[in-house]
């Protein structure tokens, strides 16, 4: 094999041809940028009818934009191990991986970010733990709470519950699609995730009210066939429409 002569190299011995940038290669967007540019299904994984790994692997195969792990009953070690496995499944894919409530677990698992609700870790603390590239989401259902989320540096606002839900017994009263529309209209630059009681009978009205992402729990996780249910939701939402990795 022919070798490069010293005349072909830069001072120090590096071959100029080997360090020339590839004009076709573009930098990969950061998680925060991918979330802000996207829309579609935001799958919240809570006690699914099939193993967590199987459901999230299917979500990755279908390019579901965002998956959040919400398992409040697991101990720290079990939760961290599960989050780490799911983060590994999603890493390098078109699917962003979020951990609910626990910035420490998100950091240990190398997740893309964390969602902090009312009474959870402060968003400022989450940002300190996870760094500037990570996603930090917050909960709220009023314009005032949306503005507070922006002031705290949140990357998105989880709005809800939109409809009555049994998934979260301590949830606030539902605000309906009219309440959702008020927040999305007042805060057009803040990505929003509608959550609470969303199923195939009402998802179109949620999208029509301006939500960027639609969070689904029971209508996927607690069905007899969560993977098939996820496929139906993706079809209803127009397919996987966001967060594609630029390779």
Foldseek 3Di string as FASTA:
>chain_A
DDDDDPVQPDPVRHRPVVPDDDPQADDWDFPLVQLLPAFEAAEEEEQFPDDPLVLLLLCQVQLAQEYEYDYPPDDPVVLLVVLLSSQVSCPPTLYAYEYEQDLPSCLSSVGQEYEHEVPGDQQLVSCVSNDDRHAYEYEDQALVVVVVCVVSPHSAYEHDDQQAAPPDPPGDHHPHLVSLLVNCVVCVSHAYEHDHPDEPVCPVSNVVSPHRYYYDYCQQRVDPHNSVSVVVRCVVRPGNTTRGIRD
